[in-house]
Amino acid sequence: MDLSNNTLTFAPKSQYVVIMENVGNIIKERRKALSITQRELAALAGVGINTLTKIERGEANPSLKVMMNILHTLGLEIDVKIKSNNL
């Protein structure tokens, strides 16, 4: 955020924020496709309802364990790719 010259501008969203918003949308869409409520998914995955709500909105910074519990419950998985450095 830049407050110089009485103007208000925001920095572009970080890559992490965009990724979390995308993951949240995928979780939400899958949950709805399975006709599961947020409360039901939270209970099945062993996470708090507030945590799940924030994850679906892309507002949370969940641990890997929490994400894995939710994804496993929904029958989803994460594919990790290691970026190689050209040294």
PDB file of N, CA and C in Angstrom:
ATOM      1  N   MET A   1       0.838  -1.164   0.000  1.00  0.00           N
ATOM      2  CA  MET A   1       0.000   0.000   0.000  1.00  0.00           C
ATOM      3  C   MET A   1       0.888   1.234   0.000  1.00  0.00           C
ATOM      4  N   ASP A   2       0.572   2.202  -0.847  1.00  0.00           N
ATOM      5  CA  ASP A   2       1.363   3.420  -0.953  1.00  0.00           C
ATOM      6  C   ASP A   2       0.482   4.601  -0.570  1.00  0.00           C
ATOM      7  N   LEU A   3       0.866   5.315   0.477  1.00  0.00           N
ATOM      8  CA  LEU A   3       0.077   6.456   0.930  1.00  0.00           C
ATOM      9  C   LEU A   3       0.726   7.787   0.587  1.00  0.00           C
ATOM     10  N   SER A   4       1.784   7.775  -0.221  1.00  0.00           N
ATOM     11  CA  SER A   4       2.440   9.024  -0.592  1.00  0.00           C
ATOM     12  C   SER A   4       1.520   9.841  -1.496  1.00  0.00           C
ATOM     13  N   ASN A   5       1.607  11.124  -1.398  1.00  0.00           N
ATOM     14  CA  ASN A   5       0.801  12.056  -2.203  1.00  0.00           C
ATOM     15  C   ASN A   5      -0.696  11.835  -2.044  1.00  0.00           C
ATOM     16  N   ASN A   6      -1.096  11.367  -0.871  1.00  0.00           N
ATOM     17  CA  ASN A   6      -2.515  11.156  -0.574  1.00  0.00           C
ATOM     18  C   ASN A   6      -3.223  10.248  -1.570  1.00  0.00           C
ATOM     19  N   THR A   7      -2.489   9.349  -2.178  1.00  0.00           N
ATOM     20  CA  THR A   7      -3.118   8.380  -3.072  1.00  0.00           C
ATOM     21  C   THR A   7      -3.049   7.012  -2.420  1.00  0.00           C
ATOM     22  N   LEU A   8      -3.985   6.191  -2.735  1.00  0.00           N
ATOM     23  CA  LEU A   8      -4.043   4.859  -2.165  1.00  0.00           C
ATOM     24  C   LEU A   8      -3.913   3.843  -3.288  1.00  0.00           C
ATOM     25  N   THR A   9      -2.786   3.125  -3.317  1.00  0.00           N
ATOM     26  CA  THR A   9      -2.589   2.082  -4.316  1.00  0.00           C
ATOM     27  C   THR A   9      -2.154   0.816  -3.600  1.00  0.00           C
ATOM     28  N   PHE A  10      -2.520  -0.308  -4.150  1.00  0.00           N
ATOM     29  CA  PHE A  10      -2.186  -1.587  -3.551  1.00  0.00           C
ATOM     30  C   PHE A  10      -1.229  -2.353  -4.445  1.00  0.00           C
ATOM     31  N   ALA A  11      -0.339  -3.073  -3.807  1.00  0.00           N
ATOM     32  CA  ALA A  11       0.589  -3.930  -4.557  1.00  0.00           C
ATOM     33  C   ALA A  11      -0.197  -5.083  -5.154  1.00  0.00           C
ATOM     34  N   PRO A  12       0.264  -5.632  -6.261  1.00  0.00           N
ATOM     35  CA  PRO A  12      -0.423  -6.782  -6.841  1.00  0.00           C
ATOM     36  C   PRO A  12      -0.393  -7.963  -5.877  1.00  0.00           C
ATOM     37  N   LYS A  13      -1.366  -8.839  -6.004  1.00  0.00           N
ATOM     38  CA  LYS A  13      -1.430 -10.006  -5.137  1.00  0.00           C
ATOM     39  C   LYS A  13      -0.180 -10.857  -5.320  1.00  0.00           C
ATOM     40  N   SER A  14       0.300 -11.370  -4.214  1.00  0.00           N
ATOM     41  CA  SER A  14       1.465 -12.245  -4.292  1.00  0.00           C
ATOM     42  C   SER A  14       1.058 -13.570  -4.922  1.00  0.00           C
ATOM     43  N   GLN A  15       2.029 -14.272  -5.433  1.00  0.00           N
ATOM     44  CA  GLN A  15       1.771 -15.565  -6.050  1.00  0.00           C
ATOM     45  C   GLN A  15       1.141 -16.518  -5.037  1.00  0.00           C
ATOM     46  N   TYR A  16       1.576 -16.447  -3.775  1.00  0.00           N
ATOM     47  CA  TYR A  16       1.037 -17.313  -2.732  1.00  0.00           C
ATOM     48  C   TYR A  16      -0.452 -17.072  -2.538  1.00  0.00           C
ATOM     49  N   VAL A  17      -0.859 -15.815  -2.500  1.00  0.00           N
ATOM     50  CA  VAL A  17      -2.268 -15.481  -2.306  1.00  0.00           C
ATOM     51  C   VAL A  17      -3.102 -16.026  -3.453  1.00  0.00           C
ATOM     52  N   VAL A  18      -2.625 -15.878  -4.657  1.00  0.00           N
ATOM     53  CA  VAL A  18      -3.353 -16.382  -5.830  1.00  0.00           C
ATOM     54  C   VAL A  18      -3.467 -17.903  -5.764  1.00  0.00           C
ATOM     55  N   ILE A  19      -2.397 -18.577  -5.389  1.00  0.00           N
ATOM     56  CA  ILE A  19      -2.424 -20.039  -5.273  1.00  0.00           C
ATOM     57  C   ILE A  19      -3.443 -20.459  -4.221  1.00  0.00           C
ATOM     58  N   MET A  20      -3.424 -19.809  -3.064  1.00  0.00           N
ATOM     59  CA  MET A  20      -4.353 -20.177  -1.997  1.00  0.00           C
ATOM     60  C   MET A  20      -5.798 -19.906  -2.397  1.00  0.00           C
ATOM     61  N   GLU A  21      -6.047 -18.850  -3.159  1.00  0.00           N
ATOM     62  CA  GLU A  21      -7.401 -18.589  -3.646  1.00  0.00           C
ATOM     63  C   GLU A  21      -7.840 -19.697  -4.600  1.00  0.00           C
ATOM     64  N   ASN A  22      -6.935 -20.129  -5.479  1.00  0.00           N
ATOM     65  CA  ASN A  22      -7.249 -21.206  -6.417  1.00  0.00           C
ATOM     66  C   ASN A  22      -7.511 -22.518  -5.686  1.00  0.00           C
ATOM     67  N   VAL A  23      -6.666 -22.850  -4.726  1.00  0.00           N
ATOM     68  CA  VAL A  23      -6.854 -24.077  -3.945  1.00  0.00           C
ATOM     69  C   VAL A  23      -8.174 -24.007  -3.182  1.00  0.00           C
ATOM     70  N   GLY A  24      -8.461 -22.868  -2.602  1.00  0.00           N
ATOM     71  CA  GLY A  24      -9.720 -22.691  -1.883  1.00  0.00           C
ATOM     72  C   GLY A  24     -10.928 -22.915  -2.779  1.00  0.00           C
ATOM     73  N   ASN A  25     -10.853 -22.392  -3.994  1.00  0.00           N
ATOM     74  CA  ASN A  25     -11.961 -22.584  -4.942  1.00  0.00           C
ATOM     75  C   ASN A  25     -12.114 -24.048  -5.334  1.00  0.00           C
ATOM     76  N   ILE A  26     -11.005 -24.742  -5.525  1.00  0.00           N
ATOM     77  CA  ILE A  26     -11.058 -26.162  -5.869  1.00  0.00           C
ATOM     78  C   ILE A  26     -11.700 -26.956  -4.741  1.00  0.00           C
ATOM     79  N   ILE A  27     -11.302 -26.672  -3.512  1.00  0.00           N
ATOM     80  CA  ILE A  27     -11.877 -27.350  -2.348  1.00  0.00           C
ATOM     81  C   ILE A  27     -13.374 -27.089  -2.270  1.00  0.00           C
ATOM     82  N   LYS A  28     -13.758 -25.842  -2.426  1.00  0.00           N
ATOM     83  CA  LYS A  28     -15.175 -25.471  -2.345  1.00  0.00           C
ATOM     84  C   LYS A  28     -15.996 -26.162  -3.437  1.00  0.00           C
ATOM     85  N   GLU A  29     -15.493 -26.144  -4.669  1.00  0.00           N
ATOM     86  CA  GLU A  29     -16.206 -26.778  -5.782  1.00  0.00           C
ATOM     87  C   GLU A  29     -16.352 -28.276  -5.568  1.00  0.00           C
ATOM     88  N   ARG A  30     -15.283 -28.926  -5.106  1.00  0.00           N
ATOM     89  CA  ARG A  30     -15.338 -30.369  -4.861  1.00  0.00           C
ATOM     90  C   ARG A  30     -16.315 -30.682  -3.729  1.00  0.00           C
ATOM     91  N   ARG A  31     -16.273 -29.893  -2.662  1.00  0.00           N
ATOM     92  CA  ARG A  31     -17.179 -30.096  -1.534  1.00  0.00           C
ATOM     93  C   ARG A  31     -18.631 -29.992  -1.991  1.00  0.00           C
ATOM     94  N   LYS A  32     -18.920 -28.969  -2.790  1.00  0.00           N
ATOM     95  CA  LYS A  32     -20.286 -28.787  -3.286  1.00  0.00           C
ATOM     96  C   LYS A  32     -20.690 -29.907  -4.237  1.00  0.00           C
ATOM     97  N   ALA A  33     -19.758 -30.362  -5.078  1.00  0.00           N
ATOM     98  CA  ALA A  33     -20.050 -31.457  -6.004  1.00  0.00           C
ATOM     99  C   ALA A  33     -20.410 -32.736  -5.248  1.00  0.00           C
ATOM    100  N   LEU A  34     -19.821 -32.898  -4.059  1.00  0.00           N
ATOM    101  CA  LEU A  34     -20.099 -34.070  -3.231  1.00  0.00           C
ATOM    102  C   LEU A  34     -21.283 -33.837  -2.287  1.00  0.00           C
ATOM    103  N   SER A  35     -21.902 -32.663  -2.391  1.00  0.00           N
ATOM    104  CA  SER A  35     -23.049 -32.290  -1.539  1.00  0.00           C
ATOM    105  C   SER A  35     -22.711 -32.392  -0.053  1.00  0.00           C
ATOM    106  N   ILE A  36     -21.543 -31.861   0.297  1.00  0.00           N
ATOM    107  CA  ILE A  36     -21.097 -31.835   1.690  1.00  0.00           C
ATOM    108  C   ILE A  36     -21.108 -30.384   2.168  1.00  0.00           C
ATOM    109  N   THR A  37     -21.641 -30.137   3.337  1.00  0.00           N
ATOM    110  CA  THR A  37     -21.616 -28.787   3.893  1.00  0.00           C
ATOM    111  C   THR A  37     -20.230 -28.491   4.454  1.00  0.00           C
ATOM    112  N   GLN A  38     -19.960 -27.216   4.687  1.00  0.00           N
ATOM    113  CA  GLN A  38     -18.689 -26.847   5.297  1.00  0.00           C
ATOM    114  C   GLN A  38     -18.553 -27.499   6.670  1.00  0.00           C
ATOM    115  N   ARG A  39     -19.624 -27.491   7.429  1.00  0.00           N
ATOM    116  CA  ARG A  39     -19.594 -28.071   8.773  1.00  0.00           C
ATOM    117  C   ARG A  39     -19.282 -29.578   8.709  1.00  0.00           C
ATOM    118  N   GLU A  40     -19.882 -30.278   7.743  1.00  0.00           N
ATOM    119  CA  GLU A  40     -19.628 -31.710   7.596  1.00  0.00           C
ATOM    120  C   GLU A  40     -18.177 -31.974   7.193  1.00  0.00           C
ATOM    121  N   LEU A  41     -17.680 -31.216   6.221  1.00  0.00           N
ATOM    122  CA  LEU A  41     -16.296 -31.403   5.781  1.00  0.00           C
ATOM    123  C   LEU A  41     -15.322 -31.102   6.911  1.00  0.00           C
ATOM    124  N   ALA A  42     -15.575 -30.043   7.640  1.00  0.00           N
ATOM    125  CA  ALA A  42     -14.697 -29.694   8.759  1.00  0.00           C
ATOM    126  C   ALA A  42     -14.632 -30.843   9.765  1.00  0.00           C
ATOM    127  N   ALA A  43     -15.787 -31.421  10.086  1.00  0.00           N
ATOM    128  CA  ALA A  43     -15.821 -32.534  11.044  1.00  0.00           C
ATOM    129  C   ALA A  43     -15.112 -33.765  10.484  1.00  0.00           C
ATOM    130  N   LEU A  44     -15.367 -34.083   9.227  1.00  0.00           N
ATOM    131  CA  LEU A  44     -14.745 -35.258   8.608  1.00  0.00           C
ATOM    132  C   LEU A  44     -13.222 -35.122   8.508  1.00  0.00           C
ATOM    133  N   ALA A  45     -12.758 -33.905   8.231  1.00  0.00           N
ATOM    134  CA  ALA A  45     -11.318 -33.663   8.066  1.00  0.00           C
ATOM    135  C   ALA A  45     -10.624 -33.332   9.378  1.00  0.00           C
ATOM    136  N   GLY A  46     -11.398 -33.147  10.442  1.00  0.00           N
ATOM    137  CA  GLY A  46     -10.809 -32.843  11.740  1.00  0.00           C
ATOM    138  C   GLY A  46     -10.227 -31.449  11.836  1.00  0.00           C
ATOM    139  N   VAL A  47     -10.871 -30.489  11.168  1.00  0.00           N
ATOM    140  CA  VAL A  47     -10.436 -29.087  11.245  1.00  0.00           C
ATOM    141  C   VAL A  47     -11.601 -28.227  11.714  1.00  0.00           C
ATOM    142  N   GLY A  48     -11.299 -27.045  12.190  1.00  0.00           N
ATOM    143  CA  GLY A  48     -12.336 -26.137  12.636  1.00  0.00           C
ATOM    144  C   GLY A  48     -13.110 -25.544  11.463  1.00  0.00           C
ATOM    145  N   ILE A  49     -14.366 -25.245  11.697  1.00  0.00           N
ATOM    146  CA  ILE A  49     -15.209 -24.655  10.650  1.00  0.00           C
ATOM    147  C   ILE A  49     -14.663 -23.307  10.204  1.00  0.00           C
ATOM    148  N   ASN A  50     -14.161 -22.512  11.139  1.00  0.00           N
ATOM    149  CA  ASN A  50     -13.601 -21.209  10.767  1.00  0.00           C
ATOM    150  C   ASN A  50     -12.358 -21.363   9.891  1.00  0.00           C
ATOM    151  N   THR A  51     -11.551 -22.359  10.193  1.00  0.00           N
ATOM    152  CA  THR A  51     -10.358 -22.627   9.379  1.00  0.00           C
ATOM    153  C   THR A  51     -10.765 -23.006   7.967  1.00  0.00           C
ATOM    154  N   LEU A  52     -11.727 -23.923   7.848  1.00  0.00           N
ATOM    155  CA  LEU A  52     -12.180 -24.354   6.530  1.00  0.00           C
ATOM    156  C   LEU A  52     -12.763 -23.192   5.738  1.00  0.00           C
ATOM    157  N   THR A  53     -13.562 -22.377   6.388  1.00  0.00           N
ATOM    158  CA  THR A  53     -14.154 -21.216   5.713  1.00  0.00           C
ATOM    159  C   THR A  53     -13.073 -20.304   5.165  1.00  0.00           C
ATOM    160  N   LYS A  54     -12.058 -20.020   5.969  1.00  0.00           N
ATOM    161  CA  LYS A  54     -10.958 -19.153   5.526  1.00  0.00           C
ATOM    162  C   LYS A  54     -10.159 -19.789   4.402  1.00  0.00           C
ATOM    163  N   ILE A  55      -9.970 -21.103   4.449  1.00  0.00           N
ATOM    164  CA  ILE A  55      -9.241 -21.795   3.377  1.00  0.00           C
ATOM    165  C   ILE A  55     -10.018 -21.673   2.072  1.00  0.00           C
ATOM    166  N   GLU A  56     -11.333 -21.906   2.118  1.00  0.00           N
ATOM    167  CA  GLU A  56     -12.143 -21.812   0.905  1.00  0.00           C
ATOM    168  C   GLU A  56     -12.132 -20.403   0.321  1.00  0.00           C
ATOM    169  N   ARG A  57     -11.969 -19.402   1.153  1.00  0.00           N
ATOM    170  CA  ARG A  57     -11.910 -18.010   0.686  1.00  0.00           C
ATOM    171  C   ARG A  57     -10.503 -17.599   0.269  1.00  0.00           C
ATOM    172  N   GLY A  58      -9.529 -18.454   0.505  1.00  0.00           N
ATOM    173  CA  GLY A  58      -8.150 -18.118   0.186  1.00  0.00           C
ATOM    174  C   GLY A  58      -7.530 -17.169   1.181  1.00  0.00           C
ATOM    175  N   GLU A  59      -8.075 -17.134   2.391  1.00  0.00           N
ATOM    176  CA  GLU A  59      -7.623 -16.190   3.413  1.00  0.00           C
ATOM    177  C   GLU A  59      -6.755 -16.836   4.491  1.00  0.00           C
ATOM    178  N   ALA A  60      -6.557 -18.145   4.420  1.00  0.00           N
ATOM    179  CA  ALA A  60      -5.840 -18.850   5.483  1.00  0.00           C
ATOM    180  C   ALA A  60      -4.434 -19.220   5.046  1.00  0.00           C
ATOM    181  N   ASN A  61      -3.632 -19.531   6.034  1.00  0.00           N
ATOM    182  CA  ASN A  61      -2.280 -20.038   5.813  1.00  0.00           C
ATOM    183  C   ASN A  61      -2.191 -21.382   6.551  1.00  0.00           C
ATOM    184  N   PRO A  62      -2.892 -22.398   6.016  1.00  0.00           N
ATOM    185  CA  PRO A  62      -2.986 -23.663   6.746  1.00  0.00           C
ATOM    186  C   PRO A  62      -1.686 -24.462   6.710  1.00  0.00           C
ATOM    187  N   SER A  63      -1.537 -25.302   7.714  1.00  0.00           N
ATOM    188  CA  SER A  63      -0.388 -26.207   7.727  1.00  0.00           C
ATOM    189  C   SER A  63      -0.593 -27.266   6.648  1.00  0.00           C
ATOM    190  N   LEU A  64       0.485 -27.925   6.286  1.00  0.00           N
ATOM    191  CA  LEU A  64       0.400 -28.996   5.298  1.00  0.00           C
ATOM    192  C   LEU A  64      -0.505 -30.118   5.809  1.00  0.00           C
ATOM    193  N   LYS A  65      -0.425 -30.402   7.097  1.00  0.00           N
ATOM    194  CA  LYS A  65      -1.261 -31.457   7.692  1.00  0.00           C
ATOM    195  C   LYS A  65      -2.743 -31.133   7.524  1.00  0.00           C
ATOM    196  N   VAL A  66      -3.136 -29.914   7.798  1.00  0.00           N
ATOM    197  CA  VAL A  66      -4.535 -29.507   7.650  1.00  0.00           C
ATOM    198  C   VAL A  66      -4.967 -29.633   6.192  1.00  0.00           C
ATOM    199  N   MET A  67      -4.130 -29.137   5.275  1.00  0.00           N
ATOM    200  CA  MET A  67      -4.472 -29.229   3.849  1.00  0.00           C
ATOM    201  C   MET A  67      -4.594 -30.681   3.412  1.00  0.00           C
ATOM    202  N   MET A  68      -3.681 -31.529   3.844  1.00  0.00           N
ATOM    203  CA  MET A  68      -3.723 -32.934   3.463  1.00  0.00           C
ATOM    204  C   MET A  68      -4.981 -33.613   4.004  1.00  0.00           C
ATOM    205  N   ASN A  69      -5.385 -33.287   5.229  1.00  0.00           N
ATOM    206  CA  ASN A  69      -6.609 -33.857   5.799  1.00  0.00           C
ATOM    207  C   ASN A  69      -7.829 -33.481   4.960  1.00  0.00           C
ATOM    208  N   ILE A  70      -7.920 -32.221   4.579  1.00  0.00           N
ATOM    209  CA  ILE A  70      -9.059 -31.753   3.784  1.00  0.00           C
ATOM    210  C   ILE A  70      -9.042 -32.403   2.408  1.00  0.00           C
ATOM    211  N   LEU A  71      -7.898 -32.362   1.746  1.00  0.00           N
ATOM    212  CA  LEU A  71      -7.790 -32.923   0.405  1.00  0.00           C
ATOM    213  C   LEU A  71      -8.067 -34.419   0.402  1.00  0.00           C
ATOM    214  N   HIS A  72      -7.531 -35.142   1.365  1.00  0.00           N
ATOM    215  CA  HIS A  72      -7.765 -36.587   1.461  1.00  0.00           C
ATOM    216  C   HIS A  72      -9.252 -36.875   1.647  1.00  0.00           C
ATOM    217  N   THR A  73      -9.893 -36.106   2.496  1.00  0.00           N
ATOM    218  CA  THR A  73     -11.322 -36.292   2.747  1.00  0.00           C
ATOM    219  C   THR A  73     -12.130 -36.102   1.473  1.00  0.00           C
ATOM    220  N   LEU A  74     -11.697 -35.180   0.625  1.00  0.00           N
ATOM    221  CA  LEU A  74     -12.414 -34.886  -0.617  1.00  0.00           C
ATOM    222  C   LEU A  74     -11.951 -35.764  -1.787  1.00  0.00           C
ATOM    223  N   GLY A  75     -10.964 -36.613  -1.563  1.00  0.00           N
ATOM    224  CA  GLY A  75     -10.450 -37.450  -2.639  1.00  0.00           C
ATOM    225  C   GLY A  75      -9.563 -36.684  -3.603  1.00  0.00           C
ATOM    226  N   LEU A  76      -8.930 -35.632  -3.099  1.00  0.00           N
ATOM    227  CA  LEU A  76      -8.021 -34.823  -3.905  1.00  0.00           C
ATOM    228  C   LEU A  76      -6.595 -35.030  -3.427  1.00  0.00           C
ATOM    229  N   GLU A  77      -5.634 -34.608  -4.225  1.00  0.00           N
ATOM    230  CA  GLU A  77      -4.233 -34.686  -3.825  1.00  0.00           C
ATOM    231  C   GLU A  77      -3.468 -33.499  -4.382  1.00  0.00           C
ATOM    232  N   ILE A  78      -2.289 -33.276  -3.818  1.00  0.00           N
ATOM    233  CA  ILE A  78      -1.402 -32.215  -4.274  1.00  0.00           C
ATOM    234  C   ILE A  78      -0.296 -32.836  -5.110  1.00  0.00           C
ATOM    235  N   ASP A  79       0.022 -32.196  -6.211  1.00  0.00           N
ATOM    236  CA  ASP A  79       1.132 -32.625  -7.061  1.00  0.00           C
ATOM    237  C   ASP A  79       2.244 -31.597  -6.897  1.00  0.00           C
ATOM    238  N   VAL A  80       3.365 -32.017  -6.349  1.00  0.00           N
ATOM    239  CA  VAL A  80       4.481 -31.118  -6.091  1.00  0.00           C
ATOM    240  C   VAL A  80       5.539 -31.325  -7.169  1.00  0.00           C
ATOM    241  N   LYS A  81       5.989 -30.226  -7.736  1.00  0.00           N
ATOM    242  CA  LYS A  81       7.065 -30.279  -8.714  1.00  0.00           C
ATOM    243  C   LYS A  81       8.235 -29.474  -8.173  1.00  0.00           C
ATOM    244  N   ILE A  82       9.407 -30.015  -8.320  1.00  0.00           N
ATOM    245  CA  ILE A  82      10.611 -29.340  -7.835  1.00  0.00           C
ATOM    246  C   ILE A  82      11.230 -28.583  -9.006  1.00  0.00           C
ATOM    247  N   LYS A  83      11.390 -27.303  -8.804  1.00  0.00           N
ATOM    248  CA  LYS A  83      11.974 -26.454  -9.828  1.00  0.00           C
ATOM    249  C   LYS A  83      13.483 -26.648  -9.815  1.00  0.00           C
ATOM    250  N   SER A  84      14.048 -26.911 -10.980  1.00  0.00           N
ATOM    251  CA  SER A  84      15.499 -27.082 -11.037  1.00  0.00           C
ATOM    252  C   SER A  84      16.157 -25.731 -11.317  1.00  0.00           C
ATOM    253  N   ASN A  85      17.285 -25.542 -10.695  1.00  0.00           N
ATOM    254  CA  ASN A  85      18.060 -24.318 -10.921  1.00  0.00           C
ATOM    255  C   ASN A  85      19.134 -24.585 -11.952  1.00  0.00           C
ATOM    256  N   ASN A  86      19.254 -23.694 -12.872  1.00  0.00           N
ATOM    257  CA  ASN A  86      20.296 -23.803 -13.884  1.00  0.00           C
ATOM    258  C   ASN A  86      21.505 -23.021 -13.413  1.00  0.00           C
ATOM    259  N   LEU A  87      22.361 -23.676 -12.675  1.00  0.00           N
ATOM    260  CA  LEU A  87      23.539 -22.999 -12.131  1.00  0.00           C
ATOM    261  C   LEU A  87      24.703 -23.115 -13.054  1.00  0.00           C
TER     262      LEU A  87
END
